[in-house]
């Protein structure tokens, strides 16, 4: 799935540096892809948000040694969307995270309590990157 997601993102205008990834949260894997758009890095994942959040909490993710990553986009009920919007969600429910880059903490800016969900992300090299690396090594 992560490779299909990466291929789909690569075909979108303005999206660069796409790499297939998997996120592990609470022992559950989410297939997705990392990418750059408008000079900002994002991770896009398929499925509903992890079960780690409580209805009164907002959730943000913490990668080892990194800043908070907040959910900047989340679509769970794709069927309820206008049919013209569904084409933007070919894999069903999905969510996107991006680093919190504010000058103040996320709670100070958003005025809500956030629960940190510690996660790991595995980046998978595409064949294109493997070939590029091999060319560099063999020069």
N, C-alpha and C. Protein backbone atom coordinates (compact mmCIF):
# COMPACT_ATOMS: atom_id res chain seq x y z
N UNK A 1 0.81 -1.19 0.00
CA UNK A 1 0.00 0.00 0.00
C UNK A 1 0.86 1.27 0.00
N UNK A 2 1.93 1.29 0.82
CA UNK A 2 2.75 2.50 0.91
C UNK A 2 3.35 2.89 -0.44
N UNK A 3 3.64 1.90 -1.30
CA UNK A 3 4.19 2.21 -2.62
C UNK A 3 3.11 2.79 -3.54
N UNK A 4 1.88 2.31 -3.41
CA UNK A 4 0.77 2.88 -4.20
C UNK A 4 0.50 4.32 -3.78
N UNK A 5 0.56 4.57 -2.48
CA UNK A 5 0.35 5.92 -1.97
C UNK A 5 1.45 6.85 -2.50
N UNK A 6 2.69 6.39 -2.43
CA UNK A 6 3.81 7.20 -2.93
C UNK A 6 3.65 7.50 -4.42
N UNK A 7 3.26 6.52 -5.20
CA UNK A 7 3.07 6.75 -6.64
C UNK A 7 1.98 7.78 -6.87
N UNK A 8 0.87 7.67 -6.15
CA UNK A 8 -0.24 8.63 -6.30
C UNK A 8 0.24 10.05 -5.95
N UNK A 9 0.97 10.20 -4.84
CA UNK A 9 1.45 11.52 -4.45
C UNK A 9 2.44 12.09 -5.46
N UNK A 10 3.31 11.24 -6.01
CA UNK A 10 4.28 11.71 -7.01
C UNK A 10 3.61 12.33 -8.22
N UNK A 11 2.41 11.86 -8.54
CA UNK A 11 1.70 12.36 -9.72
C UNK A 11 0.96 13.67 -9.46
N UNK A 12 0.92 14.15 -8.22
CA UNK A 12 0.22 15.40 -7.91
C UNK A 12 1.13 16.60 -8.18
N UNK A 13 0.55 17.67 -8.65
CA UNK A 13 1.31 18.90 -8.91
C UNK A 13 1.87 19.48 -7.61
N UNK A 14 3.11 19.91 -7.65
CA UNK A 14 3.72 20.59 -6.52
C UNK A 14 4.22 19.70 -5.41
N UNK A 15 4.15 18.39 -5.59
CA UNK A 15 4.59 17.45 -4.56
C UNK A 15 5.95 16.88 -4.98
N UNK A 16 6.94 16.94 -4.08
CA UNK A 16 8.29 16.45 -4.39
C UNK A 16 8.79 15.58 -3.23
N UNK A 17 9.94 14.97 -3.47
CA UNK A 17 10.65 14.18 -2.45
C UNK A 17 9.76 13.14 -1.77
N UNK A 18 8.99 12.43 -2.56
CA UNK A 18 8.05 11.43 -2.03
C UNK A 18 8.79 10.13 -1.70
N UNK A 19 8.54 9.61 -0.49
CA UNK A 19 9.12 8.34 -0.08
C UNK A 19 8.07 7.51 0.66
N UNK A 20 7.97 6.22 0.33
CA UNK A 20 7.05 5.35 1.07
C UNK A 20 7.50 5.22 2.52
N UNK A 21 6.54 5.20 3.44
CA UNK A 21 6.86 5.09 4.86
C UNK A 21 5.81 4.24 5.56
N UNK A 22 6.16 3.81 6.76
CA UNK A 22 5.20 3.19 7.67
C UNK A 22 5.39 3.84 9.03
N UNK A 23 4.28 4.13 9.69
CA UNK A 23 4.31 4.67 11.03
C UNK A 23 3.82 3.59 11.98
N UNK A 24 4.50 3.43 13.09
CA UNK A 24 4.08 2.48 14.11
C UNK A 24 3.63 3.27 15.34
N UNK A 25 2.35 3.11 15.69
CA UNK A 25 1.78 3.76 16.88
C UNK A 25 0.99 2.70 17.63
N UNK A 26 1.31 2.53 18.90
CA UNK A 26 0.64 1.53 19.74
C UNK A 26 0.65 0.15 19.12
N UNK A 27 1.73 -0.21 18.46
CA UNK A 27 1.87 -1.53 17.86
C UNK A 27 1.13 -1.73 16.56
N UNK A 28 0.49 -0.70 16.06
CA UNK A 28 -0.24 -0.79 14.80
C UNK A 28 0.52 -0.03 13.71
N UNK A 29 0.59 -0.65 12.51
CA UNK A 29 1.29 -0.03 11.39
C UNK A 29 0.32 0.72 10.49
N UNK A 30 0.74 1.88 10.04
CA UNK A 30 -0.02 2.69 9.10
C UNK A 30 0.86 2.93 7.88
N UNK A 31 0.39 2.50 6.70
CA UNK A 31 1.12 2.74 5.47
C UNK A 31 0.90 4.16 5.01
N UNK A 32 1.93 4.73 4.41
CA UNK A 32 1.82 6.10 3.93
C UNK A 32 3.01 6.53 3.13
N UNK A 33 3.19 7.84 3.06
CA UNK A 33 4.32 8.40 2.33
C UNK A 33 4.67 9.76 2.92
N UNK A 34 5.95 10.07 2.90
CA UNK A 34 6.42 11.39 3.26
C UNK A 34 6.63 12.19 1.99
N UNK A 35 6.41 13.49 2.06
CA UNK A 35 6.57 14.33 0.88
C UNK A 35 6.76 15.78 1.26
N UNK A 36 7.20 16.57 0.28
CA UNK A 36 7.35 18.01 0.45
C UNK A 36 6.37 18.70 -0.48
N UNK A 37 5.67 19.70 0.07
CA UNK A 37 4.77 20.53 -0.73
C UNK A 37 4.82 21.94 -0.15
N UNK A 38 4.99 22.92 -1.02
CA UNK A 38 5.10 24.32 -0.57
C UNK A 38 6.18 24.50 0.49
N UNK A 39 7.33 23.85 0.27
CA UNK A 39 8.49 23.94 1.16
C UNK A 39 8.22 23.45 2.59
N UNK A 40 7.27 22.57 2.74
CA UNK A 40 6.96 22.01 4.06
C UNK A 40 6.88 20.49 3.94
N UNK A 41 7.36 19.78 4.97
CA UNK A 41 7.36 18.32 4.95
C UNK A 41 6.08 17.79 5.59
N UNK A 42 5.53 16.72 4.99
CA UNK A 42 4.31 16.08 5.48
C UNK A 42 4.47 14.57 5.46
N UNK A 43 3.70 13.90 6.31
CA UNK A 43 3.49 12.46 6.22
C UNK A 43 1.99 12.23 6.04
N UNK A 44 1.64 11.45 5.03
CA UNK A 44 0.25 11.11 4.71
C UNK A 44 0.07 9.63 5.02
N UNK A 45 -0.98 9.29 5.80
CA UNK A 45 -1.24 7.91 6.17
C UNK A 45 -2.68 7.52 5.86
N UNK A 46 -2.86 6.26 5.53
CA UNK A 46 -4.18 5.73 5.22
C UNK A 46 -4.75 5.04 6.45
N UNK A 47 -6.04 5.22 6.66
CA UNK A 47 -6.74 4.63 7.79
C UNK A 47 -7.18 5.71 8.76
N UNK A 48 -7.89 5.29 9.79
CA UNK A 48 -8.30 6.23 10.83
C UNK A 48 -7.12 6.53 11.75
N UNK A 49 -7.23 7.62 12.49
CA UNK A 49 -6.18 7.97 13.44
C UNK A 49 -5.97 6.83 14.44
N UNK A 50 -4.75 6.71 14.98
CA UNK A 50 -4.51 5.66 15.98
C UNK A 50 -5.47 5.79 17.16
N UNK A 51 -5.69 4.69 17.85
CA UNK A 51 -6.61 4.65 18.99
C UNK A 51 -6.08 5.37 20.22
N UNK A 52 -4.94 6.02 20.12
CA UNK A 52 -4.30 6.61 21.29
C UNK A 52 -4.96 7.88 21.78
N UNK A 53 -5.82 8.48 20.97
CA UNK A 53 -6.38 9.76 21.44
C UNK A 53 -7.70 9.57 22.18
N UNK A 54 -7.93 10.46 23.11
CA UNK A 54 -9.13 10.47 23.93
C UNK A 54 -10.02 11.59 23.37
N UNK A 55 -11.34 11.43 23.42
CA UNK A 55 -12.22 12.45 22.82
C UNK A 55 -11.98 13.87 23.30
N UNK A 56 -11.49 14.06 24.53
CA UNK A 56 -11.26 15.42 25.02
C UNK A 56 -9.86 15.92 24.70
N UNK A 57 -9.02 15.07 24.16
CA UNK A 57 -7.65 15.46 23.83
C UNK A 57 -7.50 15.65 22.33
N UNK A 58 -6.62 16.53 21.96
CA UNK A 58 -6.10 16.56 20.61
C UNK A 58 -4.87 15.67 20.65
N UNK A 59 -4.48 15.16 19.51
CA UNK A 59 -3.32 14.28 19.48
C UNK A 59 -2.23 14.91 18.62
N UNK A 60 -1.02 14.79 19.07
CA UNK A 60 0.11 15.13 18.22
C UNK A 60 1.12 14.00 18.38
N UNK A 61 2.01 13.91 17.47
CA UNK A 61 2.94 12.79 17.44
C UNK A 61 4.34 13.29 17.75
N UNK A 62 5.11 12.45 18.41
CA UNK A 62 6.48 12.80 18.75
C UNK A 62 7.37 11.70 18.21
N UNK A 63 8.22 12.09 17.29
CA UNK A 63 9.24 11.18 16.78
C UNK A 63 10.43 11.28 17.72
N UNK A 64 11.19 10.23 17.82
CA UNK A 64 12.32 10.21 18.74
C UNK A 64 13.22 11.42 18.52
N UNK A 65 13.38 12.23 19.57
CA UNK A 65 14.28 13.37 19.52
C UNK A 65 13.80 14.51 18.63
N UNK A 66 12.55 14.51 18.24
CA UNK A 66 12.08 15.53 17.31
C UNK A 66 10.99 16.38 17.95
N UNK A 67 10.53 17.35 17.20
CA UNK A 67 9.46 18.23 17.67
C UNK A 67 8.11 17.52 17.57
N UNK A 68 7.07 18.22 17.99
CA UNK A 68 5.72 17.70 17.85
C UNK A 68 5.30 17.74 16.38
N UNK A 69 4.58 16.71 15.95
CA UNK A 69 3.97 16.66 14.62
C UNK A 69 2.47 16.66 14.84
N UNK A 70 1.79 17.62 14.29
CA UNK A 70 0.35 17.75 14.53
C UNK A 70 -0.46 17.28 13.33
N UNK A 71 -1.68 16.87 13.60
CA UNK A 71 -2.58 16.39 12.55
C UNK A 71 -3.15 17.62 11.84
N UNK A 72 -2.68 17.86 10.63
CA UNK A 72 -3.11 19.05 9.89
C UNK A 72 -4.28 18.74 8.96
N UNK A 73 -4.57 17.46 8.77
CA UNK A 73 -5.66 17.06 7.88
C UNK A 73 -6.12 15.67 8.29
N UNK A 74 -7.44 15.47 8.34
CA UNK A 74 -7.97 14.18 8.76
C UNK A 74 -9.33 13.98 8.12
N UNK A 75 -9.49 12.88 7.40
CA UNK A 75 -10.75 12.55 6.74
C UNK A 75 -11.14 11.14 7.11
N UNK A 76 -12.23 10.98 7.84
CA UNK A 76 -12.64 9.63 8.24
C UNK A 76 -13.89 9.16 7.50
N UNK A 77 -14.82 10.05 7.23
CA UNK A 77 -16.07 9.65 6.58
C UNK A 77 -16.05 10.08 5.12
N UNK A 78 -15.36 9.32 4.30
CA UNK A 78 -15.18 9.66 2.89
C UNK A 78 -16.51 9.64 2.15
N UNK A 79 -17.39 8.73 2.52
CA UNK A 79 -18.68 8.62 1.83
C UNK A 79 -19.52 9.88 2.00
N UNK A 80 -19.33 10.61 3.10
CA UNK A 80 -20.10 11.83 3.35
C UNK A 80 -19.60 13.02 2.54
N UNK A 81 -18.43 12.87 1.93
CA UNK A 81 -17.85 13.97 1.15
C UNK A 81 -18.62 14.19 -0.15
N UNK A 82 -18.58 15.40 -0.62
CA UNK A 82 -19.09 15.72 -1.95
C UNK A 82 -18.34 14.83 -2.94
N UNK A 83 -19.02 14.20 -3.89
CA UNK A 83 -18.35 13.29 -4.84
C UNK A 83 -17.15 13.92 -5.54
N UNK A 84 -17.18 15.23 -5.76
CA UNK A 84 -16.03 15.89 -6.40
C UNK A 84 -14.80 15.87 -5.50
N UNK A 85 -15.01 15.81 -4.17
CA UNK A 85 -13.89 15.78 -3.23
C UNK A 85 -13.35 14.37 -3.03
N UNK A 86 -14.17 13.36 -3.27
CA UNK A 86 -13.75 11.97 -3.04
C UNK A 86 -12.55 11.58 -3.88
N UNK A 87 -12.39 12.18 -5.05
CA UNK A 87 -11.25 11.84 -5.90
C UNK A 87 -9.93 12.20 -5.22
N UNK A 88 -9.98 13.11 -4.26
CA UNK A 88 -8.77 13.49 -3.52
C UNK A 88 -8.45 12.52 -2.38
N UNK A 89 -9.27 11.50 -2.24
CA UNK A 89 -9.08 10.53 -1.15
C UNK A 89 -9.25 9.11 -1.69
N UNK A 90 -8.38 8.71 -2.63
CA UNK A 90 -8.57 7.42 -3.30
C UNK A 90 -8.38 6.20 -2.42
N UNK A 91 -7.78 6.36 -1.26
CA UNK A 91 -7.50 5.21 -0.39
C UNK A 91 -8.44 5.15 0.81
N UNK A 92 -9.47 5.99 0.82
CA UNK A 92 -10.41 6.00 1.94
C UNK A 92 -9.94 6.91 3.06
N UNK A 93 -10.33 6.59 4.30
CA UNK A 93 -9.96 7.44 5.44
C UNK A 93 -8.45 7.67 5.48
N UNK A 94 -8.05 8.90 5.83
CA UNK A 94 -6.62 9.23 5.83
C UNK A 94 -6.37 10.41 6.76
N UNK A 95 -5.10 10.59 7.07
CA UNK A 95 -4.69 11.71 7.92
C UNK A 95 -3.27 12.12 7.56
N UNK A 96 -2.97 13.38 7.80
CA UNK A 96 -1.68 13.95 7.44
C UNK A 96 -1.11 14.68 8.64
N UNK A 97 0.20 14.51 8.85
CA UNK A 97 0.88 15.24 9.93
C UNK A 97 2.02 16.06 9.34
N UNK A 98 2.35 17.13 10.05
CA UNK A 98 3.45 18.00 9.68
C UNK A 98 4.07 18.54 10.97
N UNK A 99 5.35 18.92 10.94
CA UNK A 99 5.97 19.41 12.18
C UNK A 99 5.31 20.70 12.66
N UNK A 100 5.19 20.83 13.98
CA UNK A 100 4.73 22.09 14.56
C UNK A 100 5.92 23.03 14.56
N UNK A 101 5.82 24.12 13.83
CA UNK A 101 6.94 25.05 13.68
C UNK A 101 6.64 26.42 14.29
N UNK A 102 5.62 26.50 15.13
CA UNK A 102 5.25 27.78 15.74
C UNK A 102 6.31 28.28 16.69
N UNK A 103 6.30 29.59 16.93
CA UNK A 103 7.28 30.19 17.84
C UNK A 103 6.93 29.90 19.30
N UNK A 104 5.70 29.43 19.55
CA UNK A 104 5.29 29.01 20.89
C UNK A 104 4.85 27.56 20.81
N UNK A 105 4.71 26.92 21.95
CA UNK A 105 4.28 25.53 21.96
C UNK A 105 2.89 25.35 21.39
N UNK A 106 2.60 24.15 20.97
CA UNK A 106 1.32 23.87 20.31
C UNK A 106 0.14 24.16 21.24
N UNK A 107 0.26 23.83 22.54
CA UNK A 107 -0.84 24.10 23.47
C UNK A 107 -1.07 25.59 23.66
N UNK A 108 0.02 26.37 23.66
CA UNK A 108 -0.10 27.82 23.84
C UNK A 108 -0.82 28.46 22.66
N UNK A 109 -0.55 27.96 21.48
CA UNK A 109 -1.14 28.55 20.28
C UNK A 109 -2.58 28.06 20.07
N UNK A 110 -2.80 26.77 20.21
CA UNK A 110 -4.11 26.19 19.91
C UNK A 110 -5.06 26.24 21.10
N UNK A 111 -4.55 26.55 22.29
CA UNK A 111 -5.36 26.65 23.51
C UNK A 111 -6.17 25.39 23.78
N UNK A 112 -5.55 24.25 23.53
CA UNK A 112 -6.15 22.95 23.84
C UNK A 112 -5.06 22.08 24.43
N UNK A 113 -5.49 21.04 25.10
CA UNK A 113 -4.54 20.07 25.64
C UNK A 113 -4.20 19.06 24.54
N UNK A 114 -2.94 18.76 24.38
CA UNK A 114 -2.50 17.78 23.40
C UNK A 114 -1.86 16.59 24.10
N UNK A 115 -2.20 15.42 23.65
CA UNK A 115 -1.58 14.20 24.14
C UNK A 115 -0.50 13.81 23.15
N UNK A 116 0.71 13.56 23.64
CA UNK A 116 1.81 13.13 22.78
C UNK A 116 1.74 11.63 22.59
N UNK A 117 1.78 11.23 21.36
CA UNK A 117 1.81 9.81 20.99
C UNK A 117 3.20 9.56 20.41
N UNK A 118 4.00 8.80 21.12
CA UNK A 118 5.36 8.51 20.65
C UNK A 118 5.31 7.43 19.58
N UNK A 119 5.89 7.74 18.44
CA UNK A 119 5.80 6.86 17.28
C UNK A 119 7.17 6.70 16.64
N UNK A 120 7.27 5.71 15.78
CA UNK A 120 8.45 5.56 14.93
C UNK A 120 7.99 5.52 13.49
N UNK A 121 8.82 6.02 12.61
CA UNK A 121 8.53 6.01 11.19
C UNK A 121 9.67 5.34 10.46
N UNK A 122 9.33 4.36 9.65
CA UNK A 122 10.28 3.63 8.83
C UNK A 122 10.17 4.15 7.40
N UNK A 123 11.29 4.63 6.86
CA UNK A 123 11.31 5.14 5.49
C UNK A 123 11.84 4.06 4.58
N UNK A 124 11.13 3.79 3.51
CA UNK A 124 11.53 2.76 2.56
C UNK A 124 12.11 3.42 1.33
N UNK A 125 13.28 2.98 0.95
CA UNK A 125 13.91 3.55 -0.25
C UNK A 125 13.18 3.07 -1.49
N UNK A 126 12.95 3.99 -2.39
CA UNK A 126 12.37 3.63 -3.68
C UNK A 126 13.47 3.08 -4.57
N UNK A 127 13.10 2.37 -5.61
CA UNK A 127 14.09 1.84 -6.54
C UNK A 127 14.91 2.96 -7.16
N UNK A 128 14.28 4.09 -7.40
CA UNK A 128 14.98 5.26 -7.96
C UNK A 128 16.09 5.72 -7.02
N UNK A 129 15.82 5.76 -5.72
CA UNK A 129 16.85 6.17 -4.75
C UNK A 129 17.94 5.12 -4.63
N UNK A 130 17.57 3.85 -4.68
CA UNK A 130 18.56 2.78 -4.61
C UNK A 130 19.50 2.89 -5.81
N UNK A 131 18.95 3.10 -7.00
CA UNK A 131 19.77 3.22 -8.21
C UNK A 131 20.67 4.45 -8.13
N UNK A 132 20.14 5.58 -7.65
CA UNK A 132 20.93 6.81 -7.53
C UNK A 132 22.08 6.58 -6.56
N UNK A 133 21.80 5.94 -5.40
CA UNK A 133 22.84 5.66 -4.43
C UNK A 133 23.92 4.76 -5.03
N UNK A 134 23.49 3.74 -5.77
CA UNK A 134 24.46 2.83 -6.39
C UNK A 134 25.35 3.58 -7.39
N UNK A 135 24.78 4.50 -8.16
CA UNK A 135 25.59 5.29 -9.11
C UNK A 135 26.60 6.14 -8.36
N UNK A 136 26.20 6.74 -7.25
CA UNK A 136 27.12 7.59 -6.49
C UNK A 136 28.25 6.76 -5.89
N UNK A 137 27.91 5.59 -5.36
CA UNK A 137 28.92 4.72 -4.75
C UNK A 137 29.90 4.22 -5.80
N UNK A 138 29.42 3.95 -7.00
CA UNK A 138 30.27 3.37 -8.04
C UNK A 138 31.03 4.41 -8.86
N UNK A 139 30.93 5.68 -8.54
CA UNK A 139 31.66 6.71 -9.30
C UNK A 139 33.12 6.73 -8.93
